[in-house]
Amino acid sequence: MNHKRVYRLMKELNIQSVIRKKRRYFGKEPSVIHPNRLNRKFKASEPNRMYVTDITYIPFGTRFFYLSSIQDLYNNEIVAWRVSHRNDLKLVMDTVEELAKKRDVHGAILHSDQGFQYTSKQYNQRIEGLGLMGSHSRKGNCLDNACIESFFSHLKTETLYFSQCKTEQELYQAIDNYIWFYNHERFQKKLNHCAPVEYRNTMVA
């Protein structure tokens, strides 16, 4: 069917298509770009040496919430996370601060994509102050951060996209419950069929 006919019929029937709003791009260059220090080598020989981090969105009713997580590549354990209704620099900074409270991060690598938070001067000054070495994926290449992307995929699939949650408190609790389950009970074949925390404790012992 010719597009002109479609247009005429839509006009006669008073039908309008839904068009996504396009984001404006100003061509702003990121402030800080680090080399890809991981280079897809997603296995660390000891804990607290190589971390990956990213943000994913979680649909909730008519809104979105954003989960920022940091994963230890030694055992794929989620070692820090924060949820916010805003995808901003504060969300990322709060996640890094949680990591620093829990782990000795000096000399470790913290890898991320080239999102605006991770290339900001404030973020990079803070991780440098903590003794962390920054690392960035190549632009537009999600496979450079595949481990944390895999975690997000499991999170959403295995919790049915949080469809049962009715309040923000229930959403937060569902995320907290799943991360505990992922760290303590969900076995992984590449971890000798252990859960992340079990694997870490076994190897340390």
Protein backbone atom coordinates (compact mmCIF):
# COMPACT_ATOMS: atom_id res chain seq x y z
CA MET A 1 0.00 0.00 0.00
CA ASN A 2 1.36 3.39 -0.96
CA HIS A 3 2.37 5.63 1.92
CA LYS A 4 0.24 8.45 0.53
CA ARG A 5 -2.86 6.30 0.84
CA VAL A 6 -1.95 5.40 4.41
CA TYR A 7 -1.53 9.08 5.21
CA ARG A 8 -4.92 9.92 3.63
CA LEU A 9 -6.74 7.17 5.50
CA MET A 10 -5.11 8.10 8.79
CA LYS A 11 -6.16 11.69 8.25
CA GLU A 12 -9.75 10.70 7.48
CA LEU A 13 -9.93 8.44 10.56
CA ASN A 14 -8.13 10.96 12.76
CA ILE A 15 -5.35 8.47 13.61
CA GLN A 16 -1.89 9.60 14.73
CA SER A 17 1.17 7.45 15.09
CA VAL A 18 3.24 7.38 18.26
CA ILE A 19 6.65 8.93 17.67
CA ARG A 20 9.49 8.62 20.15
CA LYS A 21 10.99 11.92 21.17
CA LYS A 22 14.50 12.21 19.82
CA ARG A 23 17.26 13.23 22.19
CA ARG A 24 19.29 16.19 21.19
CA TYR A 25 22.99 15.52 20.70
CA PHE A 26 25.34 18.41 21.28
CA GLY A 27 28.57 16.64 20.35
CA LYS A 28 30.08 17.15 23.80
CA GLU A 29 33.26 15.20 24.32
CA PRO A 30 33.64 13.26 27.59
CA SER A 31 36.01 14.74 30.14
CA VAL A 32 38.07 11.65 31.03
CA ILE A 33 38.61 8.49 28.97
CA HIS A 34 40.72 5.64 30.32
CA PRO A 35 42.20 2.78 28.27
CA ASN A 36 40.36 -0.53 28.30
CA ARG A 37 42.52 -2.16 30.96
CA LEU A 38 40.38 -5.31 31.13
CA ASN A 39 40.27 -5.96 27.39
CA ARG A 40 37.52 -8.56 28.00
CA LYS A 41 39.65 -10.52 30.46
CA PHE A 42 36.84 -11.05 32.95
CA LYS A 43 38.60 -13.29 35.46
CA ALA A 44 40.59 -12.04 38.41
CA SER A 45 43.06 -14.22 40.32
CA GLU A 46 42.10 -12.77 43.70
CA PRO A 47 39.29 -10.72 45.26
CA ASN A 48 39.19 -6.91 45.15
CA ARG A 49 41.47 -6.60 42.13
CA MET A 50 39.07 -6.13 39.20
CA TYR A 51 35.62 -4.58 39.38
CA VAL A 52 33.03 -3.79 36.72
CA THR A 53 30.15 -1.36 37.09
CA ASP A 54 27.13 -0.17 35.15
CA ILE A 55 23.55 1.12 35.45
CA THR A 56 20.36 -0.54 34.28
CA TYR A 57 16.80 0.77 34.25
CA ILE A 58 13.90 -0.99 35.95
CA PRO A 59 10.36 -0.24 34.72
CA PHE A 60 7.97 0.41 37.58
CA GLY A 61 4.43 1.41 36.65
CA THR A 62 4.70 4.53 34.53
CA ARG A 63 8.17 5.38 35.88
CA PHE A 64 11.69 4.04 35.74
CA PHE A 65 14.11 3.36 38.55
CA TYR A 66 17.84 2.95 38.02
CA LEU A 67 20.09 0.32 39.59
CA SER A 68 23.82 1.01 39.81
CA SER A 69 25.93 -2.05 40.67
CA ILE A 70 29.58 -2.96 41.12
CA GLN A 71 30.70 -6.56 40.58
CA ASP A 72 33.92 -8.27 41.69
CA LEU A 73 35.26 -10.31 38.76
CA TYR A 74 36.98 -12.77 41.07
CA ASN A 75 33.67 -14.47 41.89
CA ASN A 76 31.05 -12.31 40.13
CA GLU A 77 29.76 -11.11 43.50
CA ILE A 78 27.75 -7.89 43.60
CA VAL A 79 29.71 -5.95 46.20
CA ALA A 80 27.93 -2.58 46.07
CA TRP A 81 24.66 -1.28 44.68
CA ARG A 82 22.29 1.66 44.86
CA VAL A 83 18.83 2.39 43.45
CA SER A 84 17.50 5.81 42.48
CA HIS A 85 14.68 7.35 40.49
CA ARG A 86 17.32 9.46 38.75
CA ASN A 87 20.10 8.28 36.47
CA ASP A 88 22.65 10.84 37.56
CA LEU A 89 26.17 11.31 38.88
CA LYS A 90 25.06 11.05 42.51
CA LEU A 91 23.80 7.50 41.94
CA VAL A 92 27.21 6.41 40.65
CA MET A 93 29.15 8.28 43.32
CA ASP A 94 27.04 6.76 46.10
CA THR A 95 27.73 3.27 44.70
CA VAL A 96 31.47 3.90 44.68
CA GLU A 97 31.35 5.17 48.26
CA GLU A 98 29.56 2.00 49.34
CA LEU A 99 32.26 -0.09 47.67
CA ALA A 100 35.01 1.86 49.44
CA LYS A 101 33.35 1.26 52.83
CA LYS A 102 33.17 -2.50 52.30
CA ARG A 103 36.39 -3.36 50.46
CA ASP A 104 40.06 -2.46 50.28
CA VAL A 105 40.06 -1.06 46.75
CA HIS A 106 43.53 0.46 46.59
CA GLY A 107 45.27 -0.61 43.39
CA ALA A 108 42.17 -2.28 41.92
CA ILE A 109 40.68 -1.64 38.47
CA LEU A 110 37.15 -0.25 38.17
CA HIS A 111 35.82 -0.78 34.65
CA SER A 112 32.75 0.85 33.11
CA ASP A 113 31.32 2.02 29.82
CA GLN A 114 31.70 5.60 28.61
CA GLY A 115 28.51 6.90 30.19
CA PHE A 116 28.59 10.56 31.16
CA GLN A 117 28.86 9.72 34.86
CA TYR A 118 31.90 7.51 34.39
CA THR A 119 33.77 10.02 32.24
CA SER A 120 33.06 13.01 34.48
CA LYS A 121 35.94 14.75 36.22
CA GLN A 122 34.25 14.43 39.63
CA TYR A 123 33.89 10.65 39.34
CA ASN A 124 37.44 10.13 38.15
CA GLN A 125 38.93 12.40 40.79
CA ARG A 126 37.12 10.39 43.45
CA ILE A 127 38.18 6.95 42.23
CA GLU A 128 41.74 8.22 41.87
CA GLY A 129 41.58 9.47 45.46
CA LEU A 130 40.52 5.99 46.56
CA GLY A 131 43.46 4.42 44.73
CA LEU A 132 41.31 2.86 41.99
CA MET A 133 42.44 2.70 38.39
CA GLY A 134 39.77 3.66 35.87
CA SER A 135 39.05 1.58 32.78
CA HIS A 136 36.55 2.21 29.98
CA SER A 137 34.89 0.06 27.36
CA ARG A 138 35.27 1.03 23.76
CA LYS A 139 32.55 3.43 22.69
CA GLY A 140 29.30 1.68 21.80
CA ASN A 141 30.64 -1.81 22.59
CA CYS A 142 28.54 -3.49 25.30
CA LEU A 143 30.55 -6.74 25.07
CA ASP A 144 33.48 -4.96 26.73
CA ASN A 145 31.37 -4.97 29.91
CA ALA A 146 29.59 -8.28 29.35
CA CYS A 147 29.74 -9.62 32.94
CA ILE A 148 27.68 -6.88 34.56
CA GLU A 149 25.31 -6.91 31.58
CA SER A 150 24.80 -10.64 32.19
CA PHE A 151 23.97 -10.00 35.84
CA PHE A 152 21.37 -7.39 34.89
CA SER A 153 19.82 -9.83 32.43
CA HIS A 154 19.48 -12.51 35.14
CA LEU A 155 18.12 -9.97 37.60
CA LYS A 156 15.31 -8.87 35.30
CA THR A 157 14.47 -12.30 33.89
CA GLU A 158 14.42 -14.16 37.20
CA THR A 159 12.29 -11.58 39.00
CA LEU A 160 9.73 -11.21 36.19
CA TYR A 161 10.76 -7.58 35.76
CA PHE A 162 9.43 -6.82 39.28
CA SER A 163 5.87 -6.95 37.99
CA GLN A 164 4.50 -7.96 41.39
CA CYS A 165 5.81 -4.89 43.22
CA LYS A 166 3.19 -2.33 44.19
CA THR A 167 5.24 0.26 46.09
CA GLU A 168 8.75 1.68 45.94
CA GLN A 169 9.58 -0.09 49.20
CA GLU A 170 8.56 -3.43 47.69
CA LEU A 171 10.72 -2.73 44.64
CA TYR A 172 13.76 -1.95 46.80
CA GLN A 173 13.15 -5.08 48.86
CA ALA A 174 12.80 -7.23 45.74
CA ILE A 175 16.13 -5.96 44.40
CA ASP A 176 17.81 -6.50 47.78
CA ASN A 177 16.38 -10.02 48.03
CA TYR A 178 17.55 -10.98 44.56
CA ILE A 179 21.09 -9.65 45.05
CA TRP A 180 21.35 -11.62 48.30
CA PHE A 181 20.09 -14.72 46.48
CA TYR A 182 22.51 -14.13 43.60
CA ASN A 183 25.48 -13.73 45.94
CA HIS A 184 24.68 -16.48 48.44
CA GLU A 185 22.54 -19.14 46.78
CA ARG A 186 22.57 -18.97 42.98
CA PHE A 187 25.33 -21.37 41.86
CA GLN A 188 27.40 -20.69 38.76
CA LYS A 189 29.03 -23.40 36.66
CA LYS A 190 32.25 -21.44 36.20
CA LEU A 191 32.54 -21.10 39.99
CA ASN A 192 32.69 -24.86 40.47
CA HIS A 193 28.91 -24.89 40.91
CA CYS A 194 29.17 -22.58 43.91
CA ALA A 195 27.43 -19.31 44.64
CA PRO A 196 29.77 -16.27 44.59
CA VAL A 197 30.14 -15.89 48.37
CA GLU A 198 30.51 -19.64 48.86
CA TYR A 199 33.21 -19.74 46.18
CA ARG A 200 35.11 -16.85 47.80
CA ASN A 201 34.93 -18.43 51.26
CA THR A 202 35.99 -21.83 49.93
CA MET A 203 38.99 -20.47 48.06
CA VAL A 204 40.12 -18.33 50.99
CA ALA A 205 39.86 -21.30 53.35
